[in-house]
Amino acid sequence: MTTKSALNTARTSVRRGRFSGTNANSHLRPTHLRNLQVISLPIGYHLRLQELVKSFTDGLLSCKPALPGLDSSVVIAPRRLHITLGVMALEDPLASSNKTLANALALLSTLRPRVMEILNGHCLCIPLVEMNIMKPHRGDAENAHVLWFGPSLNTEDGQRLKTVSDFVNKAFRDAGFILDRRPLKLHCTILNTSHRKPHGQPFSYKAILASPTIRKFIRTPSEEHDIRDPVKVEFGTWSVDEIQICKMGSYGQEGEYVSCGNCSLAS
């Protein structure tokens, strides 16, 4: 089957409700979507991961004296942990545009054979073994706004993750769904000050690295660490069951992003 034929078949399945990724329990429907959608690899459903991350963030919040700039408003709920493969601004299906949810789901479904070929019988896994911050204001680690956990690409799991992620991202860029041309930064956000009210106050990454909490998770001796480099940590390796398209800012029953559709990675 050609790519065009596969897309047409998948679009028909989506319209008729047969696409396996459609969430029948979701309140979201294509006719209601005019805003941002996220292509993601969700891992927040792993209960042990939720426990580990909550232990880490609770430890930071309980430090005495309080760590500069840290409070509960900047903490991302562990159930929402995911890696973003791209952000799309989708249109109403009645608009004169091909950038609709149905077409995005149709494209995602056509990518599965190649994704499974890349995996070659292996699970898609995310090893959370590095921690760092996004580039802080003026390069000052006292003015951090985003802290993340992420994979090392120097492992087989990391390389498979990168290959699959780059493939999916490129397919959606080539189809005009993703406009951001920057290389992917594979990470799970743990702290983000954009959720703070009032917005804008940074936190101190140096204080986090010096806190007692970090010692339980860190594998990089502090005296040997260059603060510009990722810190080696151990938060486990987690399997990914599906690639999802989710509505940005949505909340499901457990606080997760609501899936509008998915591509299963089950063998």
Protein backbone atom coordinates (compact mmCIF):
# COMPACT_ATOMS: atom_id res chain seq x y z
CA MET A 1 0.00 0.00 0.00
CA THR A 2 1.34 3.44 -0.85
CA THR A 3 1.71 6.11 1.80
CA LYS A 4 -1.13 8.09 0.22
CA SER A 5 -3.43 5.04 0.21
CA ALA A 6 -2.50 4.25 3.81
CA LEU A 7 -3.28 7.79 4.88
CA ASN A 8 -6.68 7.70 3.14
CA THR A 9 -7.51 4.37 4.80
CA ALA A 10 -6.47 5.61 8.21
CA ARG A 11 -8.45 8.84 7.83
CA THR A 12 -11.56 6.82 7.01
CA SER A 13 -11.02 4.67 10.11
CA VAL A 14 -10.63 7.76 12.28
CA ARG A 15 -13.85 9.29 10.94
CA ARG A 16 -15.74 6.04 11.57
CA GLY A 17 -14.28 5.64 15.07
CA ARG A 18 -12.28 2.50 14.25
CA PHE A 19 -8.80 3.88 14.88
CA SER A 20 -7.47 1.91 17.84
CA GLY A 21 -6.03 5.01 19.49
CA THR A 22 -9.29 6.98 19.73
CA ASN A 23 -10.26 7.50 23.36
CA ALA A 24 -13.99 6.91 23.54
CA ASN A 25 -14.13 8.20 27.10
CA SER A 26 -12.50 11.52 26.31
CA HIS A 27 -14.53 14.72 26.33
CA LEU A 28 -12.28 15.98 23.54
CA ARG A 29 -13.51 15.68 19.97
CA PRO A 30 -11.93 16.85 16.68
CA THR A 31 -14.66 19.44 16.17
CA HIS A 32 -13.61 21.17 19.39
CA LEU A 33 -9.89 21.41 18.70
CA ARG A 34 -8.36 24.66 17.55
CA ASN A 35 -5.35 24.77 19.82
CA LEU A 36 -2.17 23.00 20.73
CA GLN A 37 -1.69 19.25 20.64
CA VAL A 38 1.38 17.38 21.86
CA ILE A 39 2.94 14.27 20.33
CA SER A 40 4.33 12.49 23.37
CA LEU A 41 5.83 9.38 24.90
CA PRO A 42 3.98 9.04 28.24
CA ILE A 43 5.61 7.28 31.18
CA GLY A 44 3.78 8.85 34.13
CA TYR A 45 1.46 5.85 34.42
CA HIS A 46 4.25 3.82 36.05
CA LEU A 47 3.40 3.85 39.77
CA ARG A 48 6.96 3.24 40.93
CA LEU A 49 8.16 6.19 38.85
CA GLN A 50 5.48 8.39 40.42
CA GLU A 51 6.73 7.34 43.86
CA LEU A 52 10.38 8.03 43.02
CA VAL A 53 9.77 11.46 41.55
CA LYS A 54 7.37 12.45 44.34
CA SER A 55 9.99 11.41 46.89
CA PHE A 56 12.51 13.65 45.13
CA THR A 57 10.29 16.73 44.82
CA ASP A 58 8.80 16.30 48.33
CA GLY A 59 12.35 16.15 49.66
CA LEU A 60 13.26 19.39 47.93
CA LEU A 61 10.14 21.13 49.24
CA SER A 62 10.78 19.98 52.81
CA CYS A 63 14.33 21.33 53.02
CA LYS A 64 15.00 23.67 55.95
CA PRO A 65 15.72 26.45 55.27
CA ALA A 66 13.60 26.43 52.12
CA LEU A 67 15.48 26.22 48.84
CA PRO A 68 15.42 29.59 47.02
CA GLY A 69 12.55 29.85 44.55
CA LEU A 70 11.07 26.41 45.25
CA ASP A 71 7.43 25.86 46.17
CA SER A 72 4.73 23.39 45.16
CA SER A 73 3.51 25.58 42.28
CA VAL A 74 6.58 24.76 40.17
CA VAL A 75 6.36 20.97 40.63
CA ILE A 76 5.02 18.91 37.72
CA ALA A 77 2.70 16.12 38.88
CA PRO A 78 4.51 12.79 38.28
CA ARG A 79 1.44 11.33 36.55
CA ARG A 80 2.00 13.83 33.73
CA LEU A 81 5.60 12.80 32.98
CA HIS A 82 6.30 12.38 29.28
CA ILE A 83 8.78 13.17 26.55
CA THR A 84 7.53 15.61 23.92
CA LEU A 85 8.18 14.73 20.28
CA GLY A 86 6.50 17.83 18.87
CA VAL A 87 3.80 20.43 19.34
CA MET A 88 1.09 21.03 16.73
CA ALA A 89 -1.51 23.75 16.27
CA LEU A 90 -4.43 21.78 14.82
CA GLU A 91 -7.49 23.24 13.12
CA ASP A 92 -11.18 22.52 13.08
CA PRO A 93 -11.95 19.82 10.45
CA LEU A 94 -14.33 22.24 8.73
CA ALA A 95 -11.48 24.70 8.11
CA SER A 96 -9.74 24.72 4.76
CA SER A 97 -6.64 23.07 6.21
CA ASN A 98 -5.15 19.59 6.32
CA LYS A 99 -3.83 20.19 9.84
CA THR A 100 -6.69 18.45 11.64
CA LEU A 101 -6.70 15.89 14.43
CA ALA A 102 -8.03 13.22 12.08
CA ASN A 103 -5.15 13.76 9.66
CA ALA A 104 -2.58 13.84 12.46
CA LEU A 105 -3.88 10.54 13.84
CA ALA A 106 -3.94 9.10 10.34
CA LEU A 107 -0.30 10.02 9.82
CA LEU A 108 0.66 8.59 13.20
CA SER A 109 -0.94 5.26 12.35
CA THR A 110 1.11 4.97 9.14
CA LEU A 111 4.35 5.36 11.09
CA ARG A 112 3.87 2.25 13.21
CA PRO A 113 5.43 -0.32 10.82
CA ARG A 114 8.66 1.66 10.58
CA VAL A 115 8.74 2.32 14.34
CA MET A 116 8.35 -1.39 15.05
CA GLU A 117 11.07 -2.13 12.50
CA ILE A 118 13.41 0.27 14.31
CA LEU A 119 12.63 -1.39 17.65
CA ASN A 120 13.31 -4.81 16.14
CA GLY A 121 11.60 -6.71 18.94
CA HIS A 122 12.87 -4.47 21.74
CA CYS A 123 10.69 -2.31 23.99
CA LEU A 124 10.92 1.45 23.62
CA CYS A 125 12.40 2.54 26.95
CA ILE A 126 13.30 5.85 28.56
CA PRO A 127 16.24 5.68 30.98
CA LEU A 128 16.03 8.63 33.38
CA VAL A 129 19.72 8.84 34.21
CA GLU A 130 20.57 12.52 33.68
CA MET A 131 19.38 15.72 35.35
CA ASN A 132 19.96 19.29 34.30
CA ILE A 133 18.26 22.64 33.79
CA MET A 134 17.31 24.41 30.59
CA LYS A 135 19.64 27.30 29.82
CA PRO A 136 19.11 29.73 32.70
CA HIS A 137 18.78 33.48 32.48
CA ARG A 138 22.21 34.96 31.70
CA GLY A 139 23.73 31.53 32.23
CA ASP A 140 23.33 31.83 35.99
CA ALA A 141 22.28 28.59 37.74
CA GLU A 142 20.73 30.72 40.47
CA ASN A 143 18.16 31.82 37.86
CA ALA A 144 16.81 28.46 36.68
CA HIS A 145 13.30 28.00 35.34
CA VAL A 146 13.10 24.37 34.16
CA LEU A 147 14.64 21.25 35.73
CA TRP A 148 14.47 17.99 33.81
CA PHE A 149 15.34 14.31 33.91
CA GLY A 150 16.37 12.60 30.70
CA PRO A 151 18.16 9.74 28.98
CA SER A 152 21.79 9.19 28.18
CA LEU A 153 22.22 8.59 24.46
CA ASN A 154 25.28 6.42 25.12
CA THR A 155 23.19 3.29 25.66
CA GLU A 156 21.20 1.00 23.37
CA ASP A 157 17.93 2.13 24.97
CA GLY A 158 18.95 5.75 24.50
CA GLN A 159 19.89 5.26 20.87
CA ARG A 160 16.63 3.46 20.06
CA LEU A 161 14.72 6.25 21.82
CA LYS A 162 16.53 8.91 19.80
CA THR A 163 16.04 7.09 16.50
CA VAL A 164 12.31 6.58 17.03
CA SER A 165 11.80 10.12 18.34
CA ASP A 166 13.68 11.74 15.45
CA PHE A 167 11.78 9.61 12.93
CA VAL A 168 8.35 10.58 14.31
CA ASN A 169 9.30 14.24 14.65
CA LYS A 170 10.61 14.41 11.09
CA ALA A 171 7.51 12.74 9.67
CA PHE A 172 5.26 15.33 11.29
CA ARG A 173 7.57 18.19 10.28
CA ASP A 174 7.64 17.00 6.68
CA ALA A 175 3.84 16.83 6.68
CA GLY A 176 3.61 20.43 7.95
CA PHE A 177 2.19 19.62 11.38
CA ILE A 178 5.27 20.66 13.37
CA LEU A 179 6.76 24.04 12.52
CA ASP A 180 9.60 24.05 15.07
CA ARG A 181 12.78 23.01 13.25
CA ARG A 182 15.05 22.82 16.27
CA PRO A 183 16.54 19.42 17.16
CA LEU A 184 14.60 17.48 19.76
CA LYS A 185 15.68 17.80 23.37
CA LEU A 186 14.59 14.50 24.92
CA HIS A 187 13.59 15.21 28.52
CA CYS A 188 10.88 14.95 31.15
CA THR A 189 10.14 18.24 32.90
CA ILE A 190 10.17 17.99 36.70
CA LEU A 191 10.10 21.66 37.77
CA ASN A 192 8.79 24.55 35.69
CA THR A 193 8.34 28.11 36.90
CA SER A 194 5.91 28.94 34.08
CA HIS A 195 3.23 27.38 36.31
CA ARG A 196 4.06 29.72 39.18
CA LYS A 197 1.72 32.53 40.18
CA PRO A 198 2.92 35.21 39.97
CA HIS A 199 4.96 34.07 37.00
CA GLY A 200 8.66 34.59 36.60
CA GLN A 201 10.53 33.95 39.84
CA PRO A 202 13.41 31.53 39.17
CA PHE A 203 14.78 28.83 41.47
CA SER A 204 18.35 28.07 42.49
CA TYR A 205 19.79 24.98 40.78
CA LYS A 206 22.94 25.30 42.89
CA ALA A 207 20.83 25.00 46.04
CA ILE A 208 19.16 21.86 44.67
CA LEU A 209 22.55 20.28 43.95
CA ALA A 210 23.72 21.10 47.48
CA SER A 211 20.57 19.80 49.18
CA PRO A 212 20.51 16.60 51.28
CA THR A 213 17.67 15.23 49.10
CA ILE A 214 19.83 14.96 46.00
CA ARG A 215 22.29 12.58 47.66
CA LYS A 216 19.86 9.66 47.48
CA PHE A 217 19.55 9.93 43.70
CA ILE A 218 22.78 11.40 42.40
CA ARG A 219 25.64 9.37 40.88
CA THR A 220 27.95 12.31 40.05
CA PRO A 221 30.29 13.31 42.90
CA SER A 222 29.60 17.01 43.52
CA GLU A 223 33.28 17.90 43.77
CA GLU A 224 33.86 16.58 40.24
CA HIS A 225 30.80 18.09 38.58
CA ASP A 226 30.79 20.99 36.12
CA ILE A 227 27.44 22.68 36.72
CA ARG A 228 26.99 23.16 32.96
CA ASP A 229 26.91 19.38 32.41
CA PRO A 230 24.07 16.97 33.24
CA VAL A 231 24.22 15.31 36.63
CA LYS A 232 24.19 11.52 36.61
CA VAL A 233 21.14 10.32 38.54
CA GLU A 234 19.18 7.11 38.90
CA PHE A 235 15.42 7.27 38.44
CA GLY A 236 15.03 4.00 36.57
CA THR A 237 14.33 2.90 33.01
CA TRP A 238 10.69 2.98 31.94
CA SER A 239 8.87 1.30 29.06
CA VAL A 240 6.67 3.26 26.66
CA ASP A 241 3.49 1.48 25.58
CA GLU A 242 2.30 3.97 22.98
CA ILE A 243 2.93 7.23 21.17
CA GLN A 244 0.11 9.63 22.01
CA ILE A 245 -1.38 12.80 20.63
CA CYS A 246 -2.71 14.77 23.61
CA LYS A 247 -4.41 18.09 24.11
CA MET A 248 -1.99 20.47 25.77
CA GLY A 249 -3.19 21.57 29.19
CA SER A 250 -5.79 18.80 29.50
CA TYR A 251 -6.35 16.73 32.64
CA GLY A 252 -7.71 13.20 32.80
CA GLN A 253 -9.16 11.41 35.83
CA GLU A 254 -5.68 10.76 37.27
CA GLY A 255 -4.29 14.16 36.28
CA GLU A 256 -2.69 12.81 33.12
CA TYR A 257 -2.82 14.48 29.72
CA VAL A 258 -5.93 13.33 27.88
CA SER A 259 -5.08 11.20 24.86
CA CYS A 260 -6.89 12.07 21.65
CA GLY A 261 -5.41 9.01 19.99
CA ASN A 262 -2.36 6.81 20.00
CA CYS A 263 -0.09 4.43 18.15
CA SER A 264 0.35 1.23 20.15
CA LEU A 265 3.89 -0.10 20.48
CA ALA A 266 2.76 -3.56 21.60
CA SER A 267 4.37 -6.33 19.53
